[in-house]
Amino acid sequence: MPDSPCAHRPTCPTADSPDREAARVMVAHPEQGWSLLCNAVLVFEDTGELLPDGRVVEPHRPVAALA
């Protein structure tokens, strides 16, 4: 799978980019808690991510609300 199957301009960030979450949503399933971005990253409502190569990005919600 290519880093970014993005066909629009400007192209979205690749799955390896720090700003990968800025890619456009291609498929959304809010009832299931996930969306597929055009760079093939799965993002979850808890802010976790599954990258196209199988790597997992742990949820990264701000902790300020816990204080």
C-alpha atoms as a PDB file:
ATOM      1  CA  MET A   1       0.000   0.000   0.000  1.00  0.00           C
ATOM      2  CA  PRO A   2       1.451   3.418  -0.873  1.00  0.00           C
ATOM      3  CA  ASP A   3       2.239   5.891   1.909  1.00  0.00           C
ATOM      4  CA  SER A   4      -0.550   8.139   0.703  1.00  0.00           C
ATOM      5  CA  PRO A   5      -3.201   7.094  -1.804  1.00  0.00           C
ATOM      6  CA  CYS A   6      -4.330  10.730  -1.643  1.00  0.00           C
ATOM      7  CA  ALA A   7      -5.564  11.957  -5.029  1.00  0.00           C
ATOM      8  CA  HIS A   8      -6.538  15.522  -4.123  1.00  0.00           C
ATOM      9  CA  ARG A   9      -4.413  18.676  -4.057  1.00  0.00           C
ATOM     10  CA  PRO A  10      -2.691  19.628  -1.932  1.00  0.00           C
ATOM     11  CA  THR A  11      -1.917  16.082  -0.940  1.00  0.00           C
ATOM     12  CA  CYS A  12      -2.432  14.959   2.620  1.00  0.00           C
ATOM     13  CA  PRO A  13       0.419  14.119   4.966  1.00  0.00           C
ATOM     14  CA  THR A  14       1.753  10.577   4.694  1.00  0.00           C
ATOM     15  CA  ALA A  15       1.200   7.996   7.421  1.00  0.00           C
ATOM     16  CA  ASP A  16       4.778   8.601   8.651  1.00  0.00           C
ATOM     17  CA  SER A  17       4.360  12.363   8.978  1.00  0.00           C
ATOM     18  CA  PRO A  18       3.958  13.901  12.438  1.00  0.00           C
ATOM     19  CA  ASP A  19       0.787  15.643  11.182  1.00  0.00           C
ATOM     20  CA  ARG A  20      -0.746  12.436   9.722  1.00  0.00           C
ATOM     21  CA  GLU A  21      -4.055  13.113  11.528  1.00  0.00           C
ATOM     22  CA  ALA A  22      -4.607  16.129   9.235  1.00  0.00           C
ATOM     23  CA  ALA A  23      -5.391  13.824   6.288  1.00  0.00           C
ATOM     24  CA  ARG A  24      -8.929  13.762   4.959  1.00  0.00           C
ATOM     25  CA  VAL A  25     -11.417  11.231   6.253  1.00  0.00           C
ATOM     26  CA  MET A  26     -12.282   8.726   3.521  1.00  0.00           C
ATOM     27  CA  VAL A  27     -14.525   6.396   5.560  1.00  0.00           C
ATOM     28  CA  ALA A  28     -16.140   7.291   8.879  1.00  0.00           C
ATOM     29  CA  HIS A  29     -17.817   4.898  11.298  1.00  0.00           C
ATOM     30  CA  PRO A  30     -18.514   7.027  14.384  1.00  0.00           C
ATOM     31  CA  GLU A  31     -20.928   4.381  15.666  1.00  0.00           C
ATOM     32  CA  GLN A  32     -17.943   2.016  15.835  1.00  0.00           C
ATOM     33  CA  GLY A  33     -15.479   4.674  16.979  1.00  0.00           C
ATOM     34  CA  TRP A  34     -13.073   4.771  14.017  1.00  0.00           C
ATOM     35  CA  SER A  35     -12.304   6.567  10.756  1.00  0.00           C
ATOM     36  CA  LEU A  36     -10.027   5.719   7.826  1.00  0.00           C
ATOM     37  CA  LEU A  37      -7.939   8.588   6.527  1.00  0.00           C
ATOM     38  CA  CYS A  38      -6.781   8.911   2.925  1.00  0.00           C
ATOM     39  CA  ASN A  39      -3.220   8.143   4.038  1.00  0.00           C
ATOM     40  CA  ALA A  40      -4.459   4.691   5.173  1.00  0.00           C
ATOM     41  CA  VAL A  41      -4.264   5.522   8.885  1.00  0.00           C
ATOM     42  CA  LEU A  42      -7.095   4.264  11.094  1.00  0.00           C
ATOM     43  CA  VAL A  43      -7.896   6.765  13.831  1.00  0.00           C
ATOM     44  CA  PHE A  44      -9.989   5.839  16.825  1.00  0.00           C
ATOM     45  CA  GLU A  45     -12.215   8.014  18.995  1.00  0.00           C
ATOM     46  CA  ASP A  46      -9.861   7.533  21.950  1.00  0.00           C
ATOM     47  CA  THR A  47      -7.136   9.190  19.775  1.00  0.00           C
ATOM     48  CA  GLY A  48      -5.259   5.932  19.220  1.00  0.00           C
ATOM     49  CA  GLU A  49      -4.123   5.092  15.702  1.00  0.00           C
ATOM     50  CA  LEU A  50      -3.279   2.061  13.606  1.00  0.00           C
ATOM     51  CA  LEU A  51      -0.721   2.814  10.911  1.00  0.00           C
ATOM     52  CA  PRO A  52      -0.708   1.033   7.532  1.00  0.00           C
ATOM     53  CA  ASP A  53       2.419  -0.943   8.442  1.00  0.00           C
ATOM     54  CA  GLY A  54       0.712  -2.356  11.549  1.00  0.00           C
ATOM     55  CA  ARG A  55       2.320  -0.061  14.119  1.00  0.00           C
ATOM     56  CA  VAL A  56       0.065   1.151  16.920  1.00  0.00           C
ATOM     57  CA  VAL A  57       0.037   4.717  18.232  1.00  0.00           C
ATOM     58  CA  GLU A  58      -1.260   4.755  21.791  1.00  0.00           C
ATOM     59  CA  PRO A  59      -4.122   7.142  22.639  1.00  0.00           C
ATOM     60  CA  HIS A  60      -2.792  10.603  23.315  1.00  0.00           C
ATOM     61  CA  ARG A  61      -5.578  12.609  24.928  1.00  0.00           C
ATOM     62  CA  PRO A  62      -4.530  15.690  26.896  1.00  0.00           C
ATOM     63  CA  VAL A  63      -4.192  14.932  30.604  1.00  0.00           C
ATOM     64  CA  ALA A  64      -5.010  18.489  31.775  1.00  0.00           C
ATOM     65  CA  ALA A  65      -8.666  17.472  32.235  1.00  0.00           C
ATOM     66  CA  LEU A  66      -7.627  14.918  34.861  1.00  0.00           C
ATOM     67  CA  ALA A  67      -6.112  17.517  37.217  1.00  0.00           C
END
